[in-house]
């Protein structure tokens, strides 16, 4: 079931009603699969992600790379990032 849930997350089974129809037609219990997908997403969201700042990086560039915002990164690193225009090479910052 874990492998199937990952396939769903990867988009291999479509989205919305298309996903439900395809999974059901393939003999899967849609509710059980979706519950597993939701659990996997929750686990992925709760796992912190860190990035080490490199020369030339900007906070906006890092935010874009990780699909988040400068403000969100600053909130995750309040003791380190006091000025969003000043980050230093080598800092290990939490991005998610």
N, C-alpha and C. Protein backbone atom coordinates (compact mmCIF):
# COMPACT_ATOMS: atom_id res chain seq x y z
N UNK A 1 0.83 -1.20 0.00
CA UNK A 1 0.00 0.00 0.00
C UNK A 1 0.87 1.26 0.00
N UNK A 2 2.06 1.21 0.65
CA UNK A 2 2.95 2.37 0.67
C UNK A 2 3.40 2.74 -0.75
N UNK A 3 3.71 1.73 -1.54
CA UNK A 3 4.16 1.97 -2.91
C UNK A 3 3.04 2.60 -3.74
N UNK A 4 1.82 2.11 -3.55
CA UNK A 4 0.68 2.66 -4.27
C UNK A 4 0.43 4.11 -3.86
N UNK A 5 0.52 4.38 -2.56
CA UNK A 5 0.33 5.75 -2.07
C UNK A 5 1.37 6.69 -2.68
N UNK A 6 2.60 6.22 -2.80
CA UNK A 6 3.64 7.04 -3.41
C UNK A 6 3.35 7.29 -4.89
N UNK A 7 2.82 6.27 -5.58
CA UNK A 7 2.44 6.44 -6.98
C UNK A 7 1.35 7.50 -7.12
N UNK A 8 0.40 7.48 -6.19
CA UNK A 8 -0.67 8.48 -6.20
C UNK A 8 -0.08 9.87 -6.02
N UNK A 9 0.84 10.01 -5.05
CA UNK A 9 1.50 11.30 -4.82
C UNK A 9 2.30 11.76 -6.04
N UNK A 10 2.87 10.82 -6.74
CA UNK A 10 3.66 11.14 -7.94
C UNK A 10 2.77 11.48 -9.14
N UNK A 11 1.45 11.36 -8.98
CA UNK A 11 0.52 11.71 -10.04
C UNK A 11 0.25 10.62 -11.05
N UNK A 12 0.70 9.41 -10.77
CA UNK A 12 0.54 8.32 -11.73
C UNK A 12 -0.89 7.81 -11.85
N UNK A 13 -1.75 8.19 -10.91
CA UNK A 13 -3.14 7.74 -10.93
C UNK A 13 -4.11 8.89 -11.21
N UNK A 14 -3.61 10.03 -11.66
CA UNK A 14 -4.47 11.16 -11.96
C UNK A 14 -4.82 11.95 -10.72
N UNK A 15 -5.83 12.81 -10.86
CA UNK A 15 -6.28 13.66 -9.76
C UNK A 15 -7.79 13.66 -9.67
N UNK A 16 -8.29 14.00 -8.48
CA UNK A 16 -9.72 14.16 -8.27
C UNK A 16 -10.54 12.93 -8.61
N UNK A 17 -11.65 13.15 -9.33
CA UNK A 17 -12.55 12.04 -9.65
C UNK A 17 -11.89 11.05 -10.60
N UNK A 18 -10.98 11.53 -11.45
CA UNK A 18 -10.25 10.63 -12.35
C UNK A 18 -9.45 9.62 -11.53
N UNK A 19 -8.77 10.10 -10.49
CA UNK A 19 -7.99 9.21 -9.62
C UNK A 19 -8.90 8.17 -8.96
N UNK A 20 -10.01 8.64 -8.43
CA UNK A 20 -10.94 7.74 -7.74
C UNK A 20 -11.45 6.66 -8.69
N UNK A 21 -11.84 7.06 -9.89
CA UNK A 21 -12.35 6.09 -10.87
C UNK A 21 -11.28 5.08 -11.28
N UNK A 22 -10.07 5.56 -11.51
CA UNK A 22 -8.99 4.67 -11.95
C UNK A 22 -8.60 3.68 -10.85
N UNK A 23 -8.50 4.15 -9.62
CA UNK A 23 -8.14 3.25 -8.52
C UNK A 23 -9.24 2.21 -8.28
N UNK A 24 -10.48 2.65 -8.32
CA UNK A 24 -11.61 1.74 -8.12
C UNK A 24 -11.67 0.71 -9.24
N UNK A 25 -11.48 1.14 -10.48
CA UNK A 25 -11.50 0.22 -11.62
C UNK A 25 -10.37 -0.80 -11.53
N UNK A 26 -9.26 -0.42 -10.90
CA UNK A 26 -8.13 -1.34 -10.75
C UNK A 26 -8.29 -2.27 -9.55
N UNK A 27 -9.43 -2.13 -8.84
CA UNK A 27 -9.72 -3.03 -7.73
C UNK A 27 -9.26 -2.55 -6.37
N UNK A 28 -8.83 -1.30 -6.27
CA UNK A 28 -8.36 -0.77 -4.98
C UNK A 28 -9.50 -0.10 -4.23
N UNK A 29 -9.42 -0.12 -2.90
CA UNK A 29 -10.36 0.58 -2.04
C UNK A 29 -9.90 2.04 -1.97
N UNK A 30 -10.60 2.91 -2.67
CA UNK A 30 -10.18 4.31 -2.78
C UNK A 30 -10.00 4.96 -1.42
N UNK A 31 -10.93 4.74 -0.51
CA UNK A 31 -10.85 5.38 0.81
C UNK A 31 -9.60 4.95 1.57
N UNK A 32 -9.25 3.67 1.48
CA UNK A 32 -8.06 3.17 2.16
C UNK A 32 -6.80 3.75 1.53
N UNK A 33 -6.78 3.82 0.21
CA UNK A 33 -5.62 4.39 -0.49
C UNK A 33 -5.47 5.86 -0.13
N UNK A 34 -6.56 6.60 -0.16
CA UNK A 34 -6.51 8.03 0.14
C UNK A 34 -6.08 8.28 1.58
N UNK A 35 -6.52 7.43 2.50
CA UNK A 35 -6.10 7.56 3.90
C UNK A 35 -4.59 7.37 4.02
N UNK A 36 -4.05 6.42 3.28
CA UNK A 36 -2.60 6.18 3.29
C UNK A 36 -1.86 7.37 2.67
N UNK A 37 -2.39 7.91 1.59
CA UNK A 37 -1.79 9.09 0.95
C UNK A 37 -1.78 10.26 1.93
N UNK A 38 -2.90 10.49 2.60
CA UNK A 38 -2.99 11.59 3.57
C UNK A 38 -1.98 11.42 4.70
N UNK A 39 -1.81 10.19 5.18
CA UNK A 39 -0.84 9.92 6.25
C UNK A 39 0.58 10.18 5.76
N UNK A 40 0.86 9.79 4.54
CA UNK A 40 2.19 10.01 3.97
C UNK A 40 2.48 11.50 3.79
N UNK A 41 1.50 12.24 3.33
CA UNK A 41 1.65 13.69 3.16
C UNK A 41 1.91 14.35 4.51
N UNK A 42 1.15 13.96 5.51
CA UNK A 42 1.32 14.53 6.85
C UNK A 42 2.73 14.26 7.37
N UNK A 43 3.22 13.05 7.16
CA UNK A 43 4.57 12.70 7.59
C UNK A 43 5.61 13.54 6.86
N UNK A 44 5.44 13.69 5.55
CA UNK A 44 6.38 14.48 4.75
C UNK A 44 6.38 15.94 5.18
N UNK A 45 5.20 16.46 5.49
CA UNK A 45 5.09 17.86 5.90
C UNK A 45 5.70 18.11 7.27
N UNK A 46 5.70 17.10 8.14
CA UNK A 46 6.21 17.28 9.49
C UNK A 46 7.72 17.06 9.59
N UNK A 47 8.34 16.57 8.54
CA UNK A 47 9.78 16.33 8.54
C UNK A 47 10.49 17.63 8.15
N UNK A 48 11.31 18.18 9.06
CA UNK A 48 12.00 19.43 8.74
C UNK A 48 12.98 19.26 7.57
N UNK A 49 13.09 20.31 6.77
CA UNK A 49 14.02 20.32 5.65
C UNK A 49 14.99 21.48 5.87
N UNK A 50 16.28 21.18 5.75
CA UNK A 50 17.32 22.20 5.97
C UNK A 50 18.10 22.44 4.69
N UNK A 51 18.66 23.64 4.60
CA UNK A 51 19.48 24.03 3.46
C UNK A 51 20.70 24.79 3.97
N UNK A 52 21.86 24.50 3.42
CA UNK A 52 23.07 25.24 3.78
C UNK A 52 23.30 26.33 2.74
N UNK A 53 23.33 27.57 3.21
CA UNK A 53 23.48 28.73 2.33
C UNK A 53 24.83 28.70 1.62
N UNK A 54 24.77 28.92 0.32
CA UNK A 54 25.98 28.95 -0.52
C UNK A 54 26.23 30.38 -1.01
N UNK A 55 27.43 30.63 -1.45
CA UNK A 55 27.79 31.94 -1.98
C UNK A 55 26.86 32.30 -3.14
N UNK A 56 26.32 33.50 -3.11
CA UNK A 56 25.43 33.96 -4.18
C UNK A 56 23.96 33.69 -3.92
N UNK A 57 23.64 32.90 -2.89
CA UNK A 57 22.24 32.61 -2.57
C UNK A 57 21.53 33.85 -2.06
N UNK A 58 20.24 33.91 -2.34
CA UNK A 58 19.36 34.91 -1.74
C UNK A 58 18.24 34.16 -1.06
N UNK A 59 17.65 34.77 -0.06
CA UNK A 59 16.55 34.12 0.63
C UNK A 59 15.37 33.91 -0.30
N UNK A 60 15.13 34.86 -1.20
CA UNK A 60 14.02 34.70 -2.15
C UNK A 60 14.29 33.55 -3.12
N UNK A 61 15.53 33.40 -3.53
CA UNK A 61 15.89 32.28 -4.41
C UNK A 61 15.74 30.94 -3.73
N UNK A 62 16.15 30.88 -2.47
CA UNK A 62 16.01 29.63 -1.70
C UNK A 62 14.54 29.32 -1.51
N UNK A 63 13.75 30.34 -1.17
CA UNK A 63 12.31 30.14 -0.97
C UNK A 63 11.65 29.60 -2.24
N UNK A 64 12.00 30.18 -3.37
CA UNK A 64 11.43 29.73 -4.64
C UNK A 64 11.80 28.28 -4.92
N UNK A 65 13.06 27.94 -4.66
CA UNK A 65 13.54 26.58 -4.91
C UNK A 65 12.76 25.54 -4.09
N UNK A 66 12.36 25.92 -2.89
CA UNK A 66 11.66 24.98 -2.01
C UNK A 66 10.15 25.20 -1.95
N UNK A 67 9.63 26.07 -2.79
CA UNK A 67 8.19 26.27 -2.86
C UNK A 67 7.60 26.88 -1.60
N UNK A 68 8.32 27.82 -1.02
CA UNK A 68 7.85 28.48 0.19
C UNK A 68 8.06 29.98 0.04
N UNK A 69 7.98 30.72 1.14
CA UNK A 69 8.15 32.17 1.08
C UNK A 69 9.30 32.61 1.98
N UNK A 70 9.80 33.80 1.71
CA UNK A 70 10.86 34.38 2.54
C UNK A 70 10.35 34.50 3.98
N UNK A 71 9.12 34.97 4.12
CA UNK A 71 8.53 35.15 5.45
C UNK A 71 8.45 33.83 6.22
N UNK A 72 8.06 32.77 5.53
CA UNK A 72 7.96 31.46 6.18
C UNK A 72 9.32 30.97 6.64
N UNK A 73 10.34 31.16 5.81
CA UNK A 73 11.70 30.75 6.20
C UNK A 73 12.18 31.57 7.39
N UNK A 74 11.89 32.86 7.38
CA UNK A 74 12.31 33.71 8.49
C UNK A 74 11.63 33.25 9.79
N UNK A 75 10.36 32.89 9.72
CA UNK A 75 9.64 32.42 10.92
C UNK A 75 10.21 31.11 11.45
N UNK A 76 10.75 30.28 10.55
CA UNK A 76 11.34 29.01 10.98
C UNK A 76 12.74 29.20 11.58
N UNK A 77 13.34 30.37 11.36
CA UNK A 77 14.71 30.65 11.81
C UNK A 77 14.79 32.00 12.51
N UNK A 78 13.95 32.24 13.53
CA UNK A 78 13.88 33.58 14.12
C UNK A 78 15.16 34.05 14.81
N UNK A 79 15.94 33.13 15.35
CA UNK A 79 17.16 33.54 16.03
C UNK A 79 18.31 33.77 15.06
N UNK A 80 18.22 33.23 13.88
CA UNK A 80 19.29 33.34 12.89
C UNK A 80 19.03 34.45 11.87
N UNK A 81 17.82 34.48 11.33
CA UNK A 81 17.51 35.45 10.26
C UNK A 81 16.73 36.61 10.86
N UNK A 82 17.44 37.66 11.18
CA UNK A 82 16.81 38.86 11.73
C UNK A 82 16.54 39.89 10.63
N UNK A 83 17.35 39.83 9.57
CA UNK A 83 17.21 40.72 8.42
C UNK A 83 17.15 39.84 7.17
N UNK A 84 16.02 39.85 6.47
CA UNK A 84 15.85 38.97 5.30
C UNK A 84 16.80 39.30 4.17
N UNK A 85 17.43 40.45 4.22
CA UNK A 85 18.39 40.84 3.19
C UNK A 85 19.82 40.45 3.55
N UNK A 86 20.00 39.78 4.70
CA UNK A 86 21.34 39.40 5.13
C UNK A 86 21.37 37.94 5.55
N UNK A 87 21.91 37.10 4.69
CA UNK A 87 22.17 35.70 5.04
C UNK A 87 23.64 35.44 4.72
N UNK A 88 24.24 34.55 5.49
CA UNK A 88 25.66 34.30 5.33
C UNK A 88 25.94 32.90 4.83
N UNK A 89 26.94 32.80 3.98
CA UNK A 89 27.39 31.51 3.46
C UNK A 89 27.71 30.59 4.63
N UNK A 90 27.22 29.36 4.54
CA UNK A 90 27.48 28.37 5.58
C UNK A 90 26.36 28.21 6.59
N UNK A 91 25.45 29.18 6.65
CA UNK A 91 24.33 29.04 7.57
C UNK A 91 23.49 27.83 7.16
N UNK A 92 23.10 27.05 8.15
CA UNK A 92 22.18 25.93 7.92
C UNK A 92 20.81 26.42 8.37
N UNK A 93 19.93 26.65 7.39
CA UNK A 93 18.61 27.19 7.72
C UNK A 93 17.52 26.16 7.44
N UNK A 94 16.48 26.23 8.25
CA UNK A 94 15.32 25.37 8.02
C UNK A 94 14.45 26.05 6.96
N UNK A 95 14.08 25.30 5.93
CA UNK A 95 13.27 25.87 4.85
C UNK A 95 11.84 25.33 4.85
N UNK A 96 11.61 24.23 5.54
CA UNK A 96 10.25 23.67 5.66
C UNK A 96 10.13 22.97 6.99
